[in-house]
Amino acid sequence: MKPYDKVRTKARAVQRLKDTASEVAERGETTWTVQHSAAPELADELAAHCREVFQCEGAFLDEMSAVLGIHAGPGMLGLGTVPTELVGSKF
């Protein structure tokens, strides 16, 4: 995991993640995941966008482990992607 970008508001952060998902989806078959820290509504919003642009259900949508959540704090939202060929399935 590594930081991808830094934005200053929650709305801009969610939009940046959606834009990133759209950019990655244009490159080819990709499996995705969304994780959050005490932000299930934001995670659901991002996951709905991902289902649309990747045209698959995604690997999982889950709350981050407490270890990562402590570092990121409540409200953290993350998007993970990997080429489908590396995992063998779009889920």
PDB file of N, CA and C in Angstrom:
ATOM      1  N   MET A   1       0.839  -1.152   0.000  1.00  0.00           N
ATOM      2  CA  MET A   1       0.000   0.000   0.000  1.00  0.00           C
ATOM      3  C   MET A   1       0.898   1.234   0.000  1.00  0.00           C
ATOM      4  N   LYS A   2       0.505   2.186  -0.843  1.00  0.00           N
ATOM      5  CA  LYS A   2       1.224   3.457  -0.847  1.00  0.00           C
ATOM      6  C   LYS A   2       0.250   4.576  -1.163  1.00  0.00           C
ATOM      7  N   PRO A   3       0.494   5.759  -0.632  1.00  0.00           N
ATOM      8  CA  PRO A   3      -0.377   6.895  -0.951  1.00  0.00           C
ATOM      9  C   PRO A   3      -0.295   7.198  -2.447  1.00  0.00           C
ATOM     10  N   TYR A   4      -1.434   7.514  -3.024  1.00  0.00           N
ATOM     11  CA  TYR A   4      -1.502   7.788  -4.455  1.00  0.00           C
ATOM     12  C   TYR A   4      -1.579   9.278  -4.725  1.00  0.00           C
ATOM     13  N   ASP A   5      -2.319   9.972  -3.884  1.00  0.00           N
ATOM     14  CA  ASP A   5      -2.544  11.399  -4.096  1.00  0.00           C
ATOM     15  C   ASP A   5      -2.968  12.007  -2.766  1.00  0.00           C
ATOM     16  N   LYS A   6      -2.920  13.305  -2.681  1.00  0.00           N
ATOM     17  CA  LYS A   6      -3.353  13.982  -1.473  1.00  0.00           C
ATOM     18  C   LYS A   6      -4.303  15.103  -1.871  1.00  0.00           C
ATOM     19  N   VAL A   7      -5.527  15.022  -1.365  1.00  0.00           N
ATOM     20  CA  VAL A   7      -6.525  16.065  -1.606  1.00  0.00           C
ATOM     21  C   VAL A   7      -7.025  16.561  -0.258  1.00  0.00           C
ATOM     22  N   ARG A   8      -7.644  17.719  -0.255  1.00  0.00           N
ATOM     23  CA  ARG A   8      -7.943  18.385   1.017  1.00  0.00           C
ATOM     24  C   ARG A   8      -9.361  18.206   1.562  1.00  0.00           C
ATOM     25  N   THR A   9     -10.313  17.775   0.753  1.00  0.00           N
ATOM     26  CA  THR A   9     -11.667  17.589   1.283  1.00  0.00           C
ATOM     27  C   THR A   9     -12.136  16.170   1.012  1.00  0.00           C
ATOM     28  N   LYS A  10     -13.093  15.731   1.820  1.00  0.00           N
ATOM     29  CA  LYS A  10     -13.620  14.376   1.671  1.00  0.00           C
ATOM     30  C   LYS A  10     -14.274  14.191   0.300  1.00  0.00           C
ATOM     31  N   ALA A  11     -15.052  15.182  -0.136  1.00  0.00           N
ATOM     32  CA  ALA A  11     -15.720  15.084  -1.435  1.00  0.00           C
ATOM     33  C   ALA A  11     -14.705  14.973  -2.573  1.00  0.00           C
ATOM     34  N   ARG A  12     -13.648  15.760  -2.511  1.00  0.00           N
ATOM     35  CA  ARG A  12     -12.616  15.686  -3.552  1.00  0.00           C
ATOM     36  C   ARG A  12     -11.869  14.360  -3.493  1.00  0.00           C
ATOM     37  N   ALA A  13     -11.670  13.843  -2.292  1.00  0.00           N
ATOM     38  CA  ALA A  13     -10.979  12.563  -2.152  1.00  0.00           C
ATOM     39  C   ALA A  13     -11.792  11.430  -2.780  1.00  0.00           C
ATOM     40  N   VAL A  14     -13.087  11.408  -2.500  1.00  0.00           N
ATOM     41  CA  VAL A  14     -13.948  10.369  -3.084  1.00  0.00           C
ATOM     42  C   VAL A  14     -13.979  10.508  -4.596  1.00  0.00           C
ATOM     43  N   GLN A  15     -14.091  11.736  -5.094  1.00  0.00           N
ATOM     44  CA  GLN A  15     -14.098  11.940  -6.545  1.00  0.00           C
ATOM     45  C   GLN A  15     -12.775  11.505  -7.165  1.00  0.00           C
ATOM     46  N   ARG A  16     -11.671  11.768  -6.493  1.00  0.00           N
ATOM     47  CA  ARG A  16     -10.362  11.356  -7.013  1.00  0.00           C
ATOM     48  C   ARG A  16     -10.266   9.842  -7.094  1.00  0.00           C
ATOM     49  N   LEU A  17     -10.799   9.135  -6.096  1.00  0.00           N
ATOM     50  CA  LEU A  17     -10.808   7.670  -6.133  1.00  0.00           C
ATOM     51  C   LEU A  17     -11.690   7.162  -7.278  1.00  0.00           C
ATOM     52  N   LYS A  18     -12.829   7.806  -7.488  1.00  0.00           N
ATOM     53  CA  LYS A  18     -13.699   7.421  -8.607  1.00  0.00           C
ATOM     54  C   LYS A  18     -12.995   7.662  -9.942  1.00  0.00           C
ATOM     55  N   ASP A  19     -12.330   8.795 -10.073  1.00  0.00           N
ATOM     56  CA  ASP A  19     -11.599   9.094 -11.306  1.00  0.00           C
ATOM     57  C   ASP A  19     -10.486   8.068 -11.536  1.00  0.00           C
ATOM     58  N   THR A  20      -9.801   7.710 -10.470  1.00  0.00           N
ATOM     59  CA  THR A  20      -8.732   6.708 -10.570  1.00  0.00           C
ATOM     60  C   THR A  20      -9.302   5.366 -11.005  1.00  0.00           C
ATOM     61  N   ALA A  21     -10.417   4.962 -10.433  1.00  0.00           N
ATOM     62  CA  ALA A  21     -11.059   3.702 -10.822  1.00  0.00           C
ATOM     63  C   ALA A  21     -11.409   3.725 -12.308  1.00  0.00           C
ATOM     64  N   SER A  22     -11.959   4.824 -12.775  1.00  0.00           N
ATOM     65  CA  SER A  22     -12.320   4.938 -14.194  1.00  0.00           C
ATOM     66  C   SER A  22     -11.091   4.847 -15.091  1.00  0.00           C
ATOM     67  N   GLU A  23     -10.003   5.500 -14.690  1.00  0.00           N
ATOM     68  CA  GLU A  23      -8.760   5.449 -15.477  1.00  0.00           C
ATOM     69  C   GLU A  23      -8.206   4.031 -15.541  1.00  0.00           C
ATOM     70  N   VAL A  24      -8.191   3.338 -14.407  1.00  0.00           N
ATOM     71  CA  VAL A  24      -7.669   1.969 -14.361  1.00  0.00           C
ATOM     72  C   VAL A  24      -8.554   1.031 -15.187  1.00  0.00           C
ATOM     73  N   ALA A  25      -9.870   1.209 -15.107  1.00  0.00           N
ATOM     74  CA  ALA A  25     -10.797   0.347 -15.845  1.00  0.00           C
ATOM     75  C   ALA A  25     -10.597   0.455 -17.354  1.00  0.00           C
ATOM     76  N   GLU A  26     -10.188   1.625 -17.820  1.00  0.00           N
ATOM     77  CA  GLU A  26      -9.959   1.815 -19.257  1.00  0.00           C
ATOM     78  C   GLU A  26      -8.756   1.025 -19.762  1.00  0.00           C
ATOM     79  N   ARG A  27      -7.868   0.629 -18.880  1.00  0.00           N
ATOM     80  CA  ARG A  27      -6.652  -0.089 -19.275  1.00  0.00           C
ATOM     81  C   ARG A  27      -6.873  -1.571 -19.536  1.00  0.00           C
ATOM     82  N   GLY A  28      -8.006  -2.114 -19.113  1.00  0.00           N
ATOM     83  CA  GLY A  28      -8.264  -3.529 -19.347  1.00  0.00           C
ATOM     84  C   GLY A  28      -8.899  -4.186 -18.134  1.00  0.00           C
ATOM     85  N   GLU A  29      -9.064  -5.519 -18.231  1.00  0.00           N
ATOM     86  CA  GLU A  29      -9.720  -6.257 -17.166  1.00  0.00           C
ATOM     87  C   GLU A  29      -8.964  -6.123 -15.855  1.00  0.00           C
ATOM     88  N   THR A  30      -9.675  -5.655 -14.859  1.00  0.00           N
ATOM     89  CA  THR A  30      -9.067  -5.395 -13.559  1.00  0.00           C
ATOM     90  C   THR A  30      -9.996  -5.862 -12.454  1.00  0.00           C
ATOM     91  N   THR A  31      -9.426  -6.473 -11.441  1.00  0.00           N
ATOM     92  CA  THR A  31     -10.161  -6.825 -10.238  1.00  0.00           C
ATOM     93  C   THR A  31      -9.918  -5.717  -9.216  1.00  0.00           C
ATOM     94  N   TRP A  32     -10.906  -5.406  -8.416  1.00  0.00           N
ATOM     95  CA  TRP A  32     -10.803  -4.269  -7.505  1.00  0.00           C
ATOM     96  C   TRP A  32     -11.296  -4.627  -6.112  1.00  0.00           C
ATOM     97  N   THR A  33     -10.940  -3.787  -5.169  1.00  0.00           N
ATOM     98  CA  THR A  33     -11.424  -3.899  -3.801  1.00  0.00           C
ATOM     99  C   THR A  33     -11.523  -2.510  -3.187  1.00  0.00           C
ATOM    100  N   VAL A  34     -12.427  -2.354  -2.261  1.00  0.00           N
ATOM    101  CA  VAL A  34     -12.578  -1.100  -1.519  1.00  0.00           C
ATOM    102  C   VAL A  34     -12.498  -1.441  -0.033  1.00  0.00           C
ATOM    103  N   GLN A  35     -11.710  -0.660   0.690  1.00  0.00           N
ATOM    104  CA  GLN A  35     -11.639  -0.809   2.138  1.00  0.00           C
ATOM    105  C   GLN A  35     -11.839   0.557   2.787  1.00  0.00           C
ATOM    106  N   HIS A  36     -12.322   0.538   4.024  1.00  0.00           N
ATOM    107  CA  HIS A  36     -12.593   1.790   4.719  1.00  0.00           C
ATOM    108  C   HIS A  36     -12.311   1.641   6.203  1.00  0.00           C
ATOM    109  N   SER A  37     -12.261   2.777   6.869  1.00  0.00           N
ATOM    110  CA  SER A  37     -12.125   2.821   8.315  1.00  0.00           C
ATOM    111  C   SER A  37     -13.262   3.689   8.845  1.00  0.00           C
ATOM    112  N   ALA A  38     -14.294   3.033   9.359  1.00  0.00           N
ATOM    113  CA  ALA A  38     -15.470   3.729   9.910  1.00  0.00           C
ATOM    114  C   ALA A  38     -16.126   4.667   8.897  1.00  0.00           C
ATOM    115  N   ALA A  39     -16.200   4.238   7.639  1.00  0.00           N
ATOM    116  CA  ALA A  39     -16.836   5.051   6.590  1.00  0.00           C
ATOM    117  C   ALA A  39     -17.618   4.156   5.625  1.00  0.00           C
ATOM    118  N   PRO A  40     -18.578   3.367   6.136  1.00  0.00           N
ATOM    119  CA  PRO A  40     -19.282   2.432   5.256  1.00  0.00           C
ATOM    120  C   PRO A  40     -20.085   3.096   4.137  1.00  0.00           C
ATOM    121  N   GLU A  41     -20.634   4.292   4.390  1.00  0.00           N
ATOM    122  CA  GLU A  41     -21.418   4.962   3.351  1.00  0.00           C
ATOM    123  C   GLU A  41     -20.525   5.392   2.188  1.00  0.00           C
ATOM    124  N   LEU A  42     -19.362   5.931   2.507  1.00  0.00           N
ATOM    125  CA  LEU A  42     -18.425   6.322   1.447  1.00  0.00           C
ATOM    126  C   LEU A  42     -17.926   5.098   0.691  1.00  0.00           C
ATOM    127  N   ALA A  43     -17.677   4.020   1.416  1.00  0.00           N
ATOM    128  CA  ALA A  43     -17.216   2.789   0.779  1.00  0.00           C
ATOM    129  C   ALA A  43     -18.284   2.243  -0.165  1.00  0.00           C
ATOM    130  N   ASP A  44     -19.534   2.282   0.252  1.00  0.00           N
ATOM    131  CA  ASP A  44     -20.625   1.824  -0.618  1.00  0.00           C
ATOM    132  C   ASP A  44     -20.729   2.676  -1.878  1.00  0.00           C
ATOM    133  N   GLU A  45     -20.561   3.980  -1.723  1.00  0.00           N
ATOM    134  CA  GLU A  45     -20.613   4.891  -2.868  1.00  0.00           C
ATOM    135  C   GLU A  45     -19.488   4.580  -3.866  1.00  0.00           C
ATOM    136  N   LEU A  46     -18.286   4.406  -3.353  1.00  0.00           N
ATOM    137  CA  LEU A  46     -17.151   4.084  -4.223  1.00  0.00           C
ATOM    138  C   LEU A  46     -17.321   2.706  -4.855  1.00  0.00           C
ATOM    139  N   ALA A  47     -17.794   1.734  -4.090  1.00  0.00           N
ATOM    140  CA  ALA A  47     -17.994   0.383  -4.617  1.00  0.00           C
ATOM    141  C   ALA A  47     -19.039   0.371  -5.738  1.00  0.00           C
ATOM    142  N   ALA A  48     -20.098   1.148  -5.593  1.00  0.00           N
ATOM    143  CA  ALA A  48     -21.120   1.227  -6.651  1.00  0.00           C
ATOM    144  C   ALA A  48     -20.497   1.760  -7.937  1.00  0.00           C
ATOM    145  N   HIS A  49     -19.657   2.760  -7.816  1.00  0.00           N
ATOM    146  CA  HIS A  49     -18.972   3.303  -8.994  1.00  0.00           C
ATOM    147  C   HIS A  49     -18.055   2.237  -9.604  1.00  0.00           C
ATOM    148  N   CYS A  50     -17.328   1.528  -8.759  1.00  0.00           N
ATOM    149  CA  CYS A  50     -16.413   0.494  -9.251  1.00  0.00           C
ATOM    150  C   CYS A  50     -17.164  -0.629  -9.963  1.00  0.00           C
ATOM    151  N   ARG A  51     -18.297  -1.042  -9.415  1.00  0.00           N
ATOM    152  CA  ARG A  51     -19.093  -2.084 -10.085  1.00  0.00           C
ATOM    153  C   ARG A  51     -19.483  -1.647 -11.493  1.00  0.00           C
ATOM    154  N   GLU A  52     -19.795  -0.373 -11.628  1.00  0.00           N
ATOM    155  CA  GLU A  52     -20.199   0.162 -12.927  1.00  0.00           C
ATOM    156  C   GLU A  52     -19.023   0.209 -13.902  1.00  0.00           C
ATOM    157  N   VAL A  53     -17.896   0.761 -13.490  1.00  0.00           N
ATOM    158  CA  VAL A  53     -16.792   0.958 -14.431  1.00  0.00           C
ATOM    159  C   VAL A  53     -16.000  -0.320 -14.697  1.00  0.00           C
ATOM    160  N   PHE A  54     -15.860  -1.195 -13.683  1.00  0.00           N
ATOM    161  CA  PHE A  54     -15.119  -2.444 -13.889  1.00  0.00           C
ATOM    162  C   PHE A  54     -16.019  -3.567 -14.392  1.00  0.00           C
ATOM    163  N   GLN A  55     -17.323  -3.387 -14.275  1.00  0.00           N
ATOM    164  CA  GLN A  55     -18.328  -4.357 -14.712  1.00  0.00           C
ATOM    165  C   GLN A  55     -18.115  -5.724 -14.071  1.00  0.00           C
ATOM    166  N   CYS A  56     -17.842  -5.711 -12.768  1.00  0.00           N
ATOM    167  CA  CYS A  56     -17.764  -6.939 -11.979  1.00  0.00           C
ATOM    168  C   CYS A  56     -18.009  -6.578 -10.522  1.00  0.00           C
ATOM    169  N   GLU A  57     -18.214  -7.589  -9.725  1.00  0.00           N
ATOM    170  CA  GLU A  57     -18.563  -7.383  -8.326  1.00  0.00           C
ATOM    171  C   GLU A  57     -17.398  -6.902  -7.469  1.00  0.00           C
ATOM    172  N   GLY A  58     -16.183  -7.248  -7.811  1.00  0.00           N
ATOM    173  CA  GLY A  58     -15.036  -6.864  -7.006  1.00  0.00           C
ATOM    174  C   GLY A  58     -14.640  -7.965  -6.044  1.00  0.00           C
ATOM    175  N   ALA A  59     -13.414  -7.937  -5.598  1.00  0.00           N
ATOM    176  CA  ALA A  59     -12.898  -8.981  -4.719  1.00  0.00           C
ATOM    177  C   ALA A  59     -13.549  -8.908  -3.344  1.00  0.00           C
ATOM    178  N   PHE A  60     -13.592  -7.733  -2.753  1.00  0.00           N
ATOM    179  CA  PHE A  60     -14.279  -7.563  -1.476  1.00  0.00           C
ATOM    180  C   PHE A  60     -14.454  -6.092  -1.146  1.00  0.00           C
ATOM    181  N   LEU A  61     -15.375  -5.838  -0.256  1.00  0.00           N
ATOM    182  CA  LEU A  61     -15.658  -4.519   0.300  1.00  0.00           C
ATOM    183  C   LEU A  61     -15.691  -4.733   1.799  1.00  0.00           C
ATOM    184  N   ASP A  62     -14.756  -4.126   2.515  1.00  0.00           N
ATOM    185  CA  ASP A  62     -14.623  -4.462   3.924  1.00  0.00           C
ATOM    186  C   ASP A  62     -14.027  -3.305   4.710  1.00  0.00           C
ATOM    187  N   GLU A  63     -14.186  -3.381   6.031  1.00  0.00           N
ATOM    188  CA  GLU A  63     -13.541  -2.414   6.911  1.00  0.00           C
ATOM    189  C   GLU A  63     -12.096  -2.835   7.119  1.00  0.00           C
ATOM    190  N   MET A  64     -11.207  -1.863   7.130  1.00  0.00           N
ATOM    191  CA  MET A  64      -9.780  -2.140   7.318  1.00  0.00           C
ATOM    192  C   MET A  64      -9.518  -2.757   8.681  1.00  0.00           C
ATOM    193  N   SER A  65      -8.417  -3.448   8.767  1.00  0.00           N
ATOM    194  CA  SER A  65      -8.013  -3.997  10.054  1.00  0.00           C
ATOM    195  C   SER A  65      -7.717  -2.855  11.022  1.00  0.00           C
ATOM    196  N   ALA A  66      -7.792  -3.145  12.294  1.00  0.00           N
ATOM    197  CA  ALA A  66      -7.531  -2.130  13.310  1.00  0.00           C
ATOM    198  C   ALA A  66      -6.117  -1.567  13.198  1.00  0.00           C
ATOM    199  N   VAL A  67      -5.176  -2.399  12.792  1.00  0.00           N
ATOM    200  CA  VAL A  67      -3.787  -1.952  12.668  1.00  0.00           C
ATOM    201  C   VAL A  67      -3.672  -0.838  11.639  1.00  0.00           C
ATOM    202  N   LEU A  68      -4.252  -1.026  10.457  1.00  0.00           N
ATOM    203  CA  LEU A  68      -4.211   0.023   9.436  1.00  0.00           C
ATOM    204  C   LEU A  68      -5.112   1.183   9.803  1.00  0.00           C
ATOM    205  N   GLY A  69      -6.254   0.882  10.394  1.00  0.00           N
ATOM    206  CA  GLY A  69      -7.196   1.925  10.777  1.00  0.00           C
ATOM    207  C   GLY A  69      -6.616   2.901  11.778  1.00  0.00           C
ATOM    208  N   ILE A  70      -5.777   2.419  12.667  1.00  0.00           N
ATOM    209  CA  ILE A  70      -5.146   3.295  13.662  1.00  0.00           C
ATOM    210  C   ILE A  70      -4.281   4.343  12.972  1.00  0.00           C
ATOM    211  N   HIS A  71      -3.556   3.945  11.945  1.00  0.00           N
ATOM    212  CA  HIS A  71      -2.669   4.873  11.245  1.00  0.00           C
ATOM    213  C   HIS A  71      -3.445   5.857  10.370  1.00  0.00           C
ATOM    214  N   ALA A  72      -4.500   5.392   9.741  1.00  0.00           N
ATOM    215  CA  ALA A  72      -5.254   6.239   8.819  1.00  0.00           C
ATOM    216  C   ALA A  72      -6.324   7.058   9.524  1.00  0.00           C
ATOM    217  N   GLY A  73      -6.900   6.529  10.576  1.00  0.00           N
ATOM    218  CA  GLY A  73      -7.955   7.211  11.306  1.00  0.00           C
ATOM    219  C   GLY A  73      -9.322   6.959  10.710  1.00  0.00           C
ATOM    220  N   PRO A  74     -10.372   7.352  11.425  1.00  0.00           N
ATOM    221  CA  PRO A  74     -11.729   7.140  10.926  1.00  0.00           C
ATOM    222  C   PRO A  74     -11.988   7.965   9.668  1.00  0.00           C
ATOM    223  N   GLY A  75     -12.771   7.404   8.774  1.00  0.00           N
ATOM    224  CA  GLY A  75     -13.100   8.094   7.538  1.00  0.00           C
ATOM    225  C   GLY A  75     -12.180   7.761   6.380  1.00  0.00           C
ATOM    226  N   MET A  76     -11.187   6.895   6.621  1.00  0.00           N
ATOM    227  CA  MET A  76     -10.252   6.519   5.558  1.00  0.00           C
ATOM    228  C   MET A  76     -10.969   5.645   4.534  1.00  0.00           C
ATOM    229  N   LEU A  77     -10.656   5.870   3.284  1.00  0.00           N
ATOM    230  CA  LEU A  77     -11.230   5.113   2.189  1.00  0.00           C
ATOM    231  C   LEU A  77     -10.108   4.737   1.240  1.00  0.00           C
ATOM    232  N   GLY A  78     -10.074   3.471   0.834  1.00  0.00           N
ATOM    233  CA  GLY A  78      -9.006   3.023  -0.049  1.00  0.00           C
ATOM    234  C   GLY A  78      -9.533   2.187  -1.199  1.00  0.00           C
ATOM    235  N   LEU A  79      -8.842   2.267  -2.324  1.00  0.00           N
ATOM    236  CA  LEU A  79      -9.169   1.502  -3.520  1.00  0.00           C
ATOM    237  C   LEU A  79      -7.937   0.690  -3.896  1.00  0.00           C
ATOM    238  N   GLY A  80      -8.138  -0.603  -4.111  1.00  0.00           N
ATOM    239  CA  GLY A  80      -7.052  -1.453  -4.565  1.00  0.00           C
ATOM    240  C   GLY A  80      -7.419  -2.075  -5.897  1.00  0.00           C
ATOM    241  N   THR A  81      -6.460  -2.172  -6.810  1.00  0.00           N
ATOM    242  CA  THR A  81      -6.709  -2.787  -8.113  1.00  0.00           C
ATOM    243  C   THR A  81      -5.550  -3.711  -8.469  1.00  0.00           C
ATOM    244  N   VAL A  82      -5.861  -4.737  -9.268  1.00  0.00           N
ATOM    245  CA  VAL A  82      -4.860  -5.659  -9.765  1.00  0.00           C
ATOM    246  C   VAL A  82      -5.357  -6.219 -11.106  1.00  0.00           C
ATOM    247  N   PRO A  83      -4.476  -6.369 -12.088  1.00  0.00           N
ATOM    248  CA  PRO A  83      -4.924  -6.959 -13.360  1.00  0.00           C
ATOM    249  C   PRO A  83      -5.532  -8.339 -13.109  1.00  0.00           C
ATOM    250  N   THR A  84      -6.669  -8.592 -13.721  1.00  0.00           N
ATOM    251  CA  THR A  84      -7.396  -9.838 -13.513  1.00  0.00           C
ATOM    252  C   THR A  84      -6.541 -11.053 -13.827  1.00  0.00           C
ATOM    253  N   GLU A  85      -5.682 -10.957 -14.832  1.00  0.00           N
ATOM    254  CA  GLU A  85      -4.841 -12.104 -15.206  1.00  0.00           C
ATOM    255  C   GLU A  85      -3.957 -12.571 -14.059  1.00  0.00           C
ATOM    256  N   LEU A  86      -3.643 -11.690 -13.127  1.00  0.00           N
ATOM    257  CA  LEU A  86      -2.784 -12.063 -11.998  1.00  0.00           C
ATOM    258  C   LEU A  86      -3.530 -12.801 -10.903  1.00  0.00           C
ATOM    259  N   VAL A  87      -4.851 -12.618 -10.834  1.00  0.00           N
ATOM    260  CA  VAL A  87      -5.641 -13.301  -9.805  1.00  0.00           C
ATOM    261  C   VAL A  87      -6.539 -14.385 -10.378  1.00  0.00           C
ATOM    262  N   GLY A  88      -6.687 -14.433 -11.681  1.00  0.00           N
ATOM    263  CA  GLY A  88      -7.418 -15.504 -12.333  1.00  0.00           C
ATOM    264  C   GLY A  88      -8.917 -15.375 -12.384  1.00  0.00           C
ATOM    265  N   SER A  89      -9.477 -14.295 -11.851  1.00  0.00           N
ATOM    266  CA  SER A  89     -10.931 -14.161 -11.838  1.00  0.00           C
ATOM    267  C   SER A  89     -11.306 -12.700 -11.630  1.00  0.00           C
ATOM    268  N   LYS A  90     -12.453 -12.300 -12.173  1.00  0.00           N
ATOM    269  CA  LYS A  90     -12.969 -10.959 -11.935  1.00  0.00           C
ATOM    270  C   LYS A  90     -13.881 -10.934 -10.724  1.00  0.00           C
ATOM    271  N   PHE A  91     -14.140 -12.074 -10.088  1.00  0.00           N
ATOM    272  CA  PHE A  91     -15.008 -12.228  -8.917  1.00  0.00           C
ATOM    273  C   PHE A  91     -16.407 -11.867  -9.218  1.00  0.00           C
TER     274      PHE A  91
END
